[in-house]
């Protein structure tokens, strides 16, 4: 019985911390670092209690943050990128080669990036319509590099926090 209580407290604590980080990110005008931290934290229940408990945390964060957020743009971005801990878990546990892992991660990331762009193009600062292809190309290149750094940091943070 005590083990289930600890699990519930842990999951509730992670949910609250994630919602606080998202709220702070929205308050500080879409701070990407806080968004990244909230996705890192959601992966802790996955590591400690399994995929289903991590998914419950993700859903709880989505619902609570949807209710409490001022604008929905940051919520939409989190709903796409908050699922990354699950994607990373499946890729890391099923694919052995580094090259294969990177390919699948970038396929997921670019698909998600495309969906976010379709919904909120101005959010990504990729304004291709106004004949700014050069700026859009370098913005996209920067975003791709940021994702690589994010993924490397994700692995390091989870190893550090999951001890």
Protein backbone atom coordinates (compact mmCIF):
# COMPACT_ATOMS: atom_id res chain seq x y z
CA UNK A 1 0.00 0.00 0.00
CA UNK A 2 2.82 2.39 0.87
CA UNK A 3 4.43 1.75 -2.53
CA UNK A 4 1.26 2.85 -4.39
CA UNK A 5 0.97 5.96 -2.23
CA UNK A 6 4.57 6.92 -3.01
CA UNK A 7 3.92 6.38 -6.71
CA UNK A 8 0.84 8.60 -6.62
CA UNK A 9 2.71 11.34 -4.73
CA UNK A 10 5.61 11.12 -7.15
CA UNK A 11 3.37 11.33 -10.23
CA UNK A 12 1.41 14.23 -8.73
CA UNK A 13 4.64 16.06 -7.87
CA UNK A 14 6.02 15.61 -11.41
CA UNK A 15 2.71 16.81 -12.86
CA UNK A 16 2.72 19.93 -10.70
CA UNK A 17 6.34 20.75 -11.51
CA UNK A 18 5.67 20.34 -15.25
CA UNK A 19 2.63 22.63 -15.12
CA UNK A 20 4.62 25.22 -13.15
CA UNK A 21 7.44 25.12 -15.71
CA UNK A 22 4.99 25.53 -18.58
CA UNK A 23 3.24 28.39 -16.83
CA UNK A 24 6.57 30.11 -16.22
CA UNK A 25 7.50 29.54 -19.88
CA UNK A 26 4.28 31.16 -20.99
CA UNK A 27 4.79 34.02 -18.54
CA UNK A 28 8.32 34.62 -19.85
CA UNK A 29 6.98 34.70 -23.40
CA UNK A 30 7.52 31.18 -24.73
CA UNK A 31 10.81 30.32 -23.09
CA UNK A 32 12.09 27.20 -24.90
CA UNK A 33 14.32 26.18 -21.99
CA UNK A 34 11.36 25.80 -19.65
CA UNK A 35 9.45 23.86 -22.31
CA UNK A 36 12.44 21.53 -22.66
CA UNK A 37 12.69 21.09 -18.89
CA UNK A 38 9.02 20.18 -18.66
CA UNK A 39 9.51 17.43 -21.26
CA UNK A 40 12.60 16.19 -19.43
CA UNK A 41 10.65 15.92 -16.21
CA UNK A 42 7.77 14.03 -17.80
CA UNK A 43 10.22 11.28 -18.73
CA UNK A 44 11.05 10.55 -15.08
CA UNK A 45 7.82 8.61 -14.37
CA UNK A 46 8.44 6.66 -17.59
CA UNK A 47 11.85 5.64 -16.31
CA UNK A 48 10.71 4.92 -12.77
CA UNK A 49 7.18 3.47 -13.19
CA UNK A 50 6.74 2.64 -16.88
CA UNK A 51 5.13 4.06 -19.99
CA UNK A 52 1.53 4.11 -18.80
CA UNK A 53 2.30 6.17 -15.71
CA UNK A 54 4.35 8.56 -17.81
CA UNK A 55 1.45 8.86 -20.22
CA UNK A 56 -0.90 9.65 -17.32
CA UNK A 57 1.44 12.45 -16.28
CA UNK A 58 1.54 13.78 -19.85
CA UNK A 59 -2.26 13.75 -20.09
CA UNK A 60 -2.68 15.34 -16.66
CA UNK A 61 -0.22 18.10 -17.58
CA UNK A 62 -2.04 18.70 -20.87
CA UNK A 63 -5.44 18.95 -19.18
CA UNK A 64 -4.35 21.06 -16.21
CA UNK A 65 -2.24 23.37 -18.33
CA UNK A 66 -5.04 23.77 -20.88
CA UNK A 67 -7.40 24.86 -18.11
CA UNK A 68 -4.93 27.21 -16.44
CA UNK A 69 -3.07 28.75 -19.39
CA UNK A 70 -3.80 32.22 -20.69
CA UNK A 71 -3.10 31.52 -24.34
CA UNK A 72 -3.20 28.21 -26.12
CA UNK A 73 -0.17 28.58 -28.41
CA UNK A 74 2.33 27.35 -25.81
CA UNK A 75 -0.09 24.54 -24.94
CA UNK A 76 -0.24 23.42 -28.59
CA UNK A 77 3.55 23.41 -28.84
CA UNK A 78 3.79 21.38 -25.62
CA UNK A 79 1.15 18.93 -26.82
CA UNK A 80 3.33 18.15 -29.85
CA UNK A 81 6.74 18.20 -28.17
CA UNK A 82 5.66 16.80 -24.80
CA UNK A 83 5.19 13.42 -26.41
CA UNK A 84 8.92 13.27 -27.20
CA UNK A 85 9.88 11.30 -24.06
CA UNK A 86 7.72 8.43 -25.34
CA UNK A 87 9.17 8.68 -28.84
CA UNK A 88 12.68 8.73 -27.42
CA UNK A 89 11.93 5.74 -25.19
CA UNK A 90 10.66 3.66 -28.12
CA UNK A 91 13.52 4.67 -30.42
CA UNK A 92 16.21 4.12 -27.79
CA UNK A 93 14.81 0.72 -26.77
CA UNK A 94 14.16 -0.69 -30.24
CA UNK A 95 16.91 0.65 -32.52
CA UNK A 96 20.52 -0.27 -31.88
CA UNK A 97 22.49 1.88 -34.31
CA UNK A 98 23.17 5.54 -33.60
CA UNK A 99 22.48 6.41 -37.22
CA UNK A 100 19.08 4.70 -37.13
CA UNK A 101 18.18 6.44 -33.87
CA UNK A 102 19.05 9.85 -35.31
CA UNK A 103 17.10 9.18 -38.50
CA UNK A 104 13.94 8.20 -36.65
CA UNK A 105 14.26 11.06 -34.16
CA UNK A 106 14.66 13.58 -36.97
CA UNK A 107 11.76 12.07 -38.92
CA UNK A 108 9.57 12.53 -35.84
CA UNK A 109 10.95 16.01 -35.11
CA UNK A 110 10.55 17.29 -38.65
CA UNK A 111 7.03 15.86 -38.89
CA UNK A 112 6.13 17.60 -35.65
CA UNK A 113 7.84 20.78 -36.78
CA UNK A 114 5.82 20.70 -39.97
CA UNK A 115 2.55 20.26 -38.06
CA UNK A 116 3.37 23.12 -35.70
CA UNK A 117 4.31 25.25 -38.70
CA UNK A 118 0.99 24.46 -40.37
CA UNK A 119 -0.91 25.53 -37.24
CA UNK A 120 1.31 28.37 -36.05
CA UNK A 121 3.76 29.33 -38.80
CA UNK A 122 4.70 32.65 -37.24
CA UNK A 123 5.66 30.90 -34.03
CA UNK A 124 8.66 29.27 -35.70
CA UNK A 125 9.80 32.46 -37.45
CA UNK A 126 9.85 30.63 -40.77
CA UNK A 127 8.04 33.12 -42.94
CA UNK A 128 8.58 31.52 -46.34
CA UNK A 129 5.72 33.38 -48.01
CA UNK A 130 7.43 36.79 -48.04
CA UNK A 131 10.33 35.63 -50.22
CA UNK A 132 12.73 35.25 -47.30
CA UNK A 133 13.98 31.81 -48.21
CA UNK A 134 17.53 32.56 -47.03
CA UNK A 135 16.37 33.54 -43.54
CA UNK A 136 13.94 30.63 -43.39
CA UNK A 137 16.70 28.19 -44.39
CA UNK A 138 19.05 29.36 -41.63
CA UNK A 139 16.22 29.46 -39.11
CA UNK A 140 15.37 25.87 -39.97
CA UNK A 141 19.04 24.90 -39.76
CA UNK A 142 19.26 26.51 -36.31
CA UNK A 143 16.11 24.69 -35.17
CA UNK A 144 17.54 21.37 -36.38
CA UNK A 145 20.79 22.01 -34.52
CA UNK A 146 18.83 23.02 -31.42
CA UNK A 147 16.98 19.70 -31.56
CA UNK A 148 20.26 17.78 -31.68
CA UNK A 149 21.51 19.68 -28.61
CA UNK A 150 18.12 19.17 -26.93
CA UNK A 151 18.31 15.41 -27.52
CA UNK A 152 21.85 15.15 -26.18
CA UNK A 153 20.93 17.23 -23.12
CA UNK A 154 17.76 15.16 -22.69
CA UNK A 155 19.85 12.01 -22.34
CA UNK A 156 22.26 13.66 -19.89
CA UNK A 157 19.52 15.23 -17.75
CA UNK A 158 17.56 11.99 -17.50
CA UNK A 159 20.68 10.06 -16.49
CA UNK A 160 21.45 12.72 -13.88
CA UNK A 161 17.90 13.01 -12.49
CA UNK A 162 17.09 9.32 -12.74
CA UNK A 163 19.76 8.17 -10.29
